[in-house]
């Protein structure tokens, strides 16, 4: 099974370039068998630009998660702290084998509703 994640274009690009090894989330998919993340680069790109395999998920306190992921976080500590402000648990999806699509896809070709998810949605 795959999930579609809405990711800001700057972070989507860093993932596809191999510079960002973790995608941080406040909530993660709970369905069993999710192995692949499909990347929807949010506006102004507004396209499905690639995908990556999931090499595990780390769930921890924000402080602990930052210390474990900071080397390849792809974001600043300030941005990380702002994102997880007030949270007791933070999640990091570990990126493996990121692949850029030769031609970015329009969202309706991947998701019937054509509406970008706030965080993620399952694809079958």
N, C-alpha and C. Protein backbone atom coordinates (compact mmCIF):
# COMPACT_ATOMS: atom_id res chain seq x y z
N UNK A 1 0.84 -1.19 0.00
CA UNK A 1 0.00 0.00 0.00
C UNK A 1 0.88 1.24 0.00
N UNK A 2 0.33 2.30 -0.57
CA UNK A 2 1.05 3.58 -0.64
C UNK A 2 0.24 4.65 0.07
N UNK A 3 0.94 5.70 0.52
CA UNK A 3 0.27 6.90 1.02
C UNK A 3 0.75 8.09 0.22
N UNK A 4 -0.14 9.03 0.04
CA UNK A 4 0.19 10.29 -0.61
C UNK A 4 0.41 11.32 0.50
N UNK A 5 1.59 11.92 0.53
CA UNK A 5 1.89 12.96 1.51
C UNK A 5 1.99 14.30 0.82
N UNK A 6 1.37 15.30 1.42
CA UNK A 6 1.54 16.68 0.97
C UNK A 6 2.81 17.21 1.63
N UNK A 7 3.78 17.61 0.80
CA UNK A 7 5.08 18.07 1.30
C UNK A 7 5.41 19.39 0.62
N UNK A 8 5.89 20.35 1.39
CA UNK A 8 6.28 21.64 0.82
C UNK A 8 7.35 21.41 -0.24
N UNK A 9 7.30 22.17 -1.34
CA UNK A 9 8.22 21.95 -2.46
C UNK A 9 9.70 21.93 -2.07
N UNK A 10 10.13 22.81 -1.16
CA UNK A 10 11.54 22.84 -0.78
C UNK A 10 11.97 21.53 -0.12
N UNK A 11 11.07 20.93 0.67
CA UNK A 11 11.41 19.68 1.34
C UNK A 11 11.29 18.49 0.39
N UNK A 12 10.31 18.54 -0.51
CA UNK A 12 10.18 17.49 -1.53
C UNK A 12 11.46 17.42 -2.35
N UNK A 13 11.97 18.58 -2.74
CA UNK A 13 13.19 18.63 -3.54
C UNK A 13 14.38 18.07 -2.77
N UNK A 14 14.50 18.42 -1.50
CA UNK A 14 15.61 17.90 -0.68
C UNK A 14 15.53 16.38 -0.54
N UNK A 15 14.31 15.85 -0.41
CA UNK A 15 14.14 14.39 -0.34
C UNK A 15 14.60 13.76 -1.65
N UNK A 16 14.16 14.31 -2.76
CA UNK A 16 14.50 13.74 -4.07
C UNK A 16 15.97 13.88 -4.41
N UNK A 17 16.64 14.88 -3.84
CA UNK A 17 18.08 15.06 -4.04
C UNK A 17 18.91 14.22 -3.07
N UNK A 18 18.26 13.57 -2.11
CA UNK A 18 18.97 12.75 -1.14
C UNK A 18 19.57 13.55 0.01
N UNK A 19 19.14 14.79 0.19
CA UNK A 19 19.67 15.65 1.25
C UNK A 19 18.85 15.55 2.54
N UNK A 20 17.62 15.13 2.43
CA UNK A 20 16.72 15.03 3.58
C UNK A 20 16.33 13.57 3.73
N UNK A 21 16.74 12.96 4.83
CA UNK A 21 16.51 11.53 5.03
C UNK A 21 15.30 11.24 5.91
N UNK A 22 14.66 12.29 6.44
CA UNK A 22 13.52 12.11 7.33
C UNK A 22 12.41 13.07 6.96
N UNK A 23 11.20 12.56 6.91
CA UNK A 23 10.03 13.41 6.71
C UNK A 23 9.28 13.43 8.04
N UNK A 24 9.18 14.62 8.63
CA UNK A 24 8.59 14.77 9.96
C UNK A 24 7.09 14.94 9.88
N UNK A 25 6.40 14.29 10.83
CA UNK A 25 4.95 14.30 10.85
C UNK A 25 4.42 14.34 12.28
N UNK A 26 3.29 15.04 12.44
CA UNK A 26 2.59 15.03 13.72
C UNK A 26 1.75 13.77 13.85
N UNK A 27 1.27 13.27 12.72
CA UNK A 27 0.48 12.03 12.67
C UNK A 27 1.02 11.18 11.52
N UNK A 28 1.02 9.88 11.73
CA UNK A 28 1.52 8.98 10.71
C UNK A 28 0.44 7.96 10.32
N UNK A 29 0.54 7.41 9.12
CA UNK A 29 -0.42 6.38 8.71
C UNK A 29 -0.39 5.19 9.66
N UNK A 30 -1.56 4.70 10.02
CA UNK A 30 -1.65 3.58 10.96
C UNK A 30 -1.94 2.25 10.27
N UNK A 31 -2.38 2.30 9.02
CA UNK A 31 -2.72 1.06 8.31
C UNK A 31 -1.47 0.19 8.13
N UNK A 32 -1.62 -1.10 8.33
CA UNK A 32 -0.48 -2.00 8.12
C UNK A 32 -0.16 -2.13 6.63
N UNK A 33 1.09 -2.40 6.34
CA UNK A 33 1.48 -2.66 4.96
C UNK A 33 1.82 -1.45 4.13
N UNK A 34 1.89 -0.26 4.74
CA UNK A 34 2.27 0.93 3.98
C UNK A 34 3.79 0.90 3.79
N UNK A 35 4.21 0.84 2.54
CA UNK A 35 5.65 0.70 2.25
C UNK A 35 6.22 1.85 1.43
N UNK A 36 5.34 2.62 0.80
CA UNK A 36 5.79 3.66 -0.13
C UNK A 36 5.05 4.97 0.13
N UNK A 37 5.79 6.07 0.05
CA UNK A 37 5.22 7.41 0.14
C UNK A 37 5.27 8.03 -1.26
N UNK A 38 4.13 8.50 -1.73
CA UNK A 38 4.04 9.25 -2.97
C UNK A 38 4.06 10.73 -2.58
N UNK A 39 4.93 11.50 -3.22
CA UNK A 39 5.16 12.89 -2.84
C UNK A 39 4.34 13.85 -3.70
N UNK A 40 3.42 14.55 -3.02
CA UNK A 40 2.70 15.65 -3.67
C UNK A 40 3.38 16.93 -3.19
N UNK A 41 4.05 17.64 -4.10
CA UNK A 41 4.68 18.92 -3.78
C UNK A 41 3.58 19.98 -3.81
N UNK A 42 3.33 20.59 -2.66
CA UNK A 42 2.24 21.56 -2.54
C UNK A 42 2.49 22.78 -3.42
N UNK A 43 1.52 23.67 -3.45
CA UNK A 43 1.63 24.90 -4.26
C UNK A 43 2.85 25.69 -3.84
N UNK A 44 3.53 26.34 -4.74
CA UNK A 44 3.12 26.63 -6.10
C UNK A 44 3.37 25.50 -7.12
N UNK A 45 4.05 24.42 -6.72
CA UNK A 45 4.30 23.32 -7.67
C UNK A 45 2.99 22.62 -8.00
N UNK A 46 2.31 22.11 -6.98
CA UNK A 46 1.00 21.49 -7.17
C UNK A 46 1.01 20.25 -8.04
N UNK A 47 2.05 19.42 -7.92
CA UNK A 47 2.16 18.19 -8.74
C UNK A 47 2.66 17.04 -7.88
N UNK A 48 2.40 15.83 -8.35
CA UNK A 48 2.95 14.62 -7.75
C UNK A 48 4.31 14.41 -8.42
N UNK A 49 5.38 14.54 -7.64
CA UNK A 49 6.72 14.65 -8.24
C UNK A 49 7.62 13.42 -8.07
N UNK A 50 7.22 12.48 -7.20
CA UNK A 50 8.06 11.31 -7.01
C UNK A 50 7.55 10.46 -5.87
N UNK A 51 8.40 9.55 -5.42
CA UNK A 51 8.03 8.67 -4.32
C UNK A 51 9.28 8.15 -3.64
N UNK A 52 9.09 7.58 -2.46
CA UNK A 52 10.20 6.92 -1.77
C UNK A 52 9.67 5.75 -0.95
N UNK A 53 10.56 4.81 -0.69
CA UNK A 53 10.22 3.68 0.16
C UNK A 53 10.42 4.09 1.61
N UNK A 54 9.62 3.50 2.49
CA UNK A 54 9.72 3.79 3.92
C UNK A 54 10.70 2.81 4.54
N UNK A 55 11.72 3.36 5.19
CA UNK A 55 12.74 2.55 5.86
C UNK A 55 12.54 2.59 7.38
N UNK A 56 11.29 2.67 7.80
CA UNK A 56 10.96 2.70 9.22
C UNK A 56 10.44 4.05 9.65
N UNK A 57 9.88 4.06 10.85
CA UNK A 57 9.35 5.28 11.45
C UNK A 57 9.92 5.38 12.86
N UNK A 58 10.37 6.57 13.22
CA UNK A 58 10.85 6.82 14.58
C UNK A 58 9.81 7.70 15.26
N UNK A 59 9.33 7.27 16.41
CA UNK A 59 8.41 8.07 17.22
C UNK A 59 9.06 8.29 18.57
N UNK A 60 9.15 9.56 18.96
CA UNK A 60 9.84 9.90 20.21
C UNK A 60 9.42 11.30 20.63
N UNK A 61 9.93 11.72 21.76
CA UNK A 61 9.71 13.12 22.15
C UNK A 61 10.41 13.99 21.12
N UNK A 62 9.91 15.20 20.89
CA UNK A 62 10.59 16.06 19.92
C UNK A 62 12.08 16.24 20.20
N UNK A 63 12.43 16.42 21.45
CA UNK A 63 13.85 16.61 21.82
C UNK A 63 14.69 15.39 21.42
N UNK A 64 14.19 14.20 21.75
CA UNK A 64 14.90 12.97 21.43
C UNK A 64 14.95 12.74 19.92
N UNK A 65 13.83 13.02 19.26
CA UNK A 65 13.77 12.82 17.80
C UNK A 65 14.77 13.73 17.09
N UNK A 66 14.85 14.98 17.52
CA UNK A 66 15.81 15.90 16.89
C UNK A 66 17.24 15.39 17.07
N UNK A 67 17.58 14.93 18.25
CA UNK A 67 18.95 14.47 18.48
C UNK A 67 19.28 13.24 17.62
N UNK A 68 18.28 12.46 17.28
CA UNK A 68 18.49 11.26 16.47
C UNK A 68 18.49 11.53 14.97
N UNK A 69 17.90 12.65 14.55
CA UNK A 69 17.71 12.89 13.11
C UNK A 69 18.36 14.16 12.57
N UNK A 70 18.88 15.00 13.44
CA UNK A 70 19.31 16.35 13.03
C UNK A 70 20.32 16.38 11.90
N UNK A 71 21.19 15.37 11.82
CA UNK A 71 22.23 15.38 10.79
C UNK A 71 21.64 15.36 9.37
N UNK A 72 20.53 14.66 9.19
CA UNK A 72 19.90 14.58 7.87
C UNK A 72 18.44 15.01 7.91
N UNK A 73 18.12 15.96 8.81
CA UNK A 73 16.74 16.42 8.97
C UNK A 73 16.27 17.23 7.76
N UNK A 74 17.17 17.98 7.15
CA UNK A 74 16.80 18.80 6.00
C UNK A 74 16.03 20.05 6.38
N UNK A 75 15.92 20.32 7.69
CA UNK A 75 15.27 21.54 8.17
C UNK A 75 16.08 22.08 9.35
N UNK A 76 15.82 23.33 9.69
CA UNK A 76 16.52 23.93 10.82
C UNK A 76 15.88 23.46 12.13
N UNK A 77 16.64 23.57 13.20
CA UNK A 77 16.13 23.22 14.52
C UNK A 77 14.95 24.13 14.88
N UNK A 78 15.05 25.41 14.51
CA UNK A 78 13.96 26.35 14.80
C UNK A 78 12.66 25.92 14.13
N UNK A 79 12.75 25.54 12.86
CA UNK A 79 11.56 25.11 12.13
C UNK A 79 10.99 23.82 12.71
N UNK A 80 11.89 22.90 13.06
CA UNK A 80 11.50 21.65 13.70
C UNK A 80 10.73 21.94 14.99
N UNK A 81 11.31 22.81 15.83
CA UNK A 81 10.69 23.15 17.11
C UNK A 81 9.34 23.83 16.92
N UNK A 82 9.23 24.70 15.94
CA UNK A 82 7.95 25.37 15.67
C UNK A 82 6.89 24.36 15.24
N UNK A 83 7.29 23.42 14.39
CA UNK A 83 6.35 22.42 13.88
C UNK A 83 5.81 21.53 15.01
N UNK A 84 6.69 21.12 15.92
CA UNK A 84 6.29 20.21 16.99
C UNK A 84 5.98 20.91 18.31
N UNK A 85 5.84 22.22 18.29
CA UNK A 85 5.56 22.98 19.51
C UNK A 85 4.32 22.44 20.23
N UNK A 86 4.49 22.13 21.51
CA UNK A 86 3.38 21.64 22.31
C UNK A 86 3.10 20.15 22.18
N UNK A 87 3.84 19.47 21.34
CA UNK A 87 3.62 18.04 21.13
C UNK A 87 4.49 17.21 22.07
N UNK A 88 3.94 16.12 22.56
CA UNK A 88 4.72 15.20 23.40
C UNK A 88 5.41 14.14 22.55
N UNK A 89 4.78 13.81 21.42
CA UNK A 89 5.33 12.79 20.53
C UNK A 89 5.49 13.38 19.13
N UNK A 90 6.63 13.09 18.52
CA UNK A 90 6.92 13.52 17.15
C UNK A 90 7.31 12.28 16.35
N UNK A 91 7.07 12.33 15.05
CA UNK A 91 7.35 11.17 14.19
C UNK A 91 8.26 11.57 13.04
N UNK A 92 9.13 10.65 12.66
CA UNK A 92 10.00 10.84 11.49
C UNK A 92 9.90 9.59 10.63
N UNK A 93 9.50 9.79 9.38
CA UNK A 93 9.48 8.69 8.41
C UNK A 93 10.84 8.67 7.74
N UNK A 94 11.52 7.53 7.83
CA UNK A 94 12.86 7.42 7.25
C UNK A 94 12.76 7.13 5.76
N UNK A 95 13.44 7.95 4.97
CA UNK A 95 13.40 7.87 3.50
C UNK A 95 14.43 6.86 3.00
N UNK A 96 13.98 6.02 2.07
CA UNK A 96 14.89 5.08 1.40
C UNK A 96 14.55 5.08 -0.09
N UNK A 97 15.56 5.18 -0.92
CA UNK A 97 15.40 5.07 -2.37
C UNK A 97 14.36 6.03 -2.95
N UNK A 98 14.61 7.32 -2.79
CA UNK A 98 13.72 8.33 -3.37
C UNK A 98 13.86 8.32 -4.89
N UNK A 99 12.71 8.42 -5.56
CA UNK A 99 12.68 8.39 -7.02
C UNK A 99 11.86 9.57 -7.54
N UNK A 100 12.47 10.36 -8.41
CA UNK A 100 11.78 11.48 -9.04
C UNK A 100 11.07 10.96 -10.28
N UNK A 101 9.84 11.35 -10.46
CA UNK A 101 9.12 10.98 -11.68
C UNK A 101 9.69 11.76 -12.85
N UNK A 102 9.84 11.09 -13.98
CA UNK A 102 10.36 11.74 -15.18
C UNK A 102 9.47 12.92 -15.56
N UNK A 103 8.17 12.69 -15.45
CA UNK A 103 7.20 13.77 -15.72
C UNK A 103 6.27 13.86 -14.52
N UNK A 104 6.25 15.01 -13.83
CA UNK A 104 5.34 15.16 -12.68
C UNK A 104 3.90 14.91 -13.10
N UNK A 105 3.12 14.37 -12.17
CA UNK A 105 1.74 14.00 -12.46
C UNK A 105 0.77 15.03 -11.87
N UNK A 106 -0.34 15.21 -12.56
CA UNK A 106 -1.42 16.04 -12.03
C UNK A 106 -2.09 15.24 -10.91
N UNK A 107 -2.51 15.91 -9.88
CA UNK A 107 -3.11 15.24 -8.73
C UNK A 107 -4.30 14.34 -9.07
N UNK A 108 -5.24 14.76 -9.94
CA UNK A 108 -6.38 13.88 -10.25
C UNK A 108 -5.99 12.55 -10.90
N UNK A 109 -4.80 12.47 -11.49
CA UNK A 109 -4.38 11.19 -12.08
C UNK A 109 -3.95 10.19 -11.01
N UNK A 110 -3.73 10.68 -9.79
CA UNK A 110 -3.30 9.82 -8.69
C UNK A 110 -4.41 9.67 -7.65
N UNK A 111 -5.17 10.74 -7.47
CA UNK A 111 -6.20 10.79 -6.44
C UNK A 111 -7.51 11.23 -7.09
N UNK A 112 -8.49 10.36 -7.05
CA UNK A 112 -9.75 10.60 -7.75
C UNK A 112 -10.38 11.95 -7.41
N UNK A 113 -10.34 12.33 -6.14
CA UNK A 113 -10.97 13.59 -5.72
C UNK A 113 -10.24 14.80 -6.29
N UNK A 114 -8.94 14.64 -6.57
CA UNK A 114 -8.15 15.76 -7.07
C UNK A 114 -7.86 16.81 -6.02
N UNK A 115 -8.21 16.50 -4.77
CA UNK A 115 -8.00 17.44 -3.66
C UNK A 115 -6.81 16.97 -2.82
N UNK A 116 -5.83 17.84 -2.65
CA UNK A 116 -4.64 17.49 -1.89
C UNK A 116 -5.00 17.24 -0.43
N UNK A 117 -4.44 16.19 0.17
CA UNK A 117 -4.72 15.93 1.58
C UNK A 117 -3.99 16.94 2.47
N UNK A 118 -4.61 17.26 3.61
CA UNK A 118 -3.95 18.16 4.57
C UNK A 118 -2.63 17.56 5.04
N UNK A 119 -2.64 16.29 5.32
CA UNK A 119 -1.42 15.61 5.78
C UNK A 119 -1.09 14.44 4.85
N UNK A 120 -1.97 13.41 4.87
CA UNK A 120 -1.75 12.25 4.01
C UNK A 120 -3.07 11.58 3.69
N UNK A 121 -3.05 10.71 2.68
CA UNK A 121 -4.19 9.85 2.41
C UNK A 121 -3.66 8.55 1.80
N UNK A 122 -4.42 7.50 1.96
CA UNK A 122 -4.02 6.19 1.44
C UNK A 122 -4.33 6.09 -0.04
N UNK A 123 -3.44 5.40 -0.76
CA UNK A 123 -3.66 5.09 -2.17
C UNK A 123 -3.70 3.57 -2.31
N UNK A 124 -4.56 3.09 -3.17
CA UNK A 124 -4.62 1.63 -3.36
C UNK A 124 -4.15 1.27 -4.75
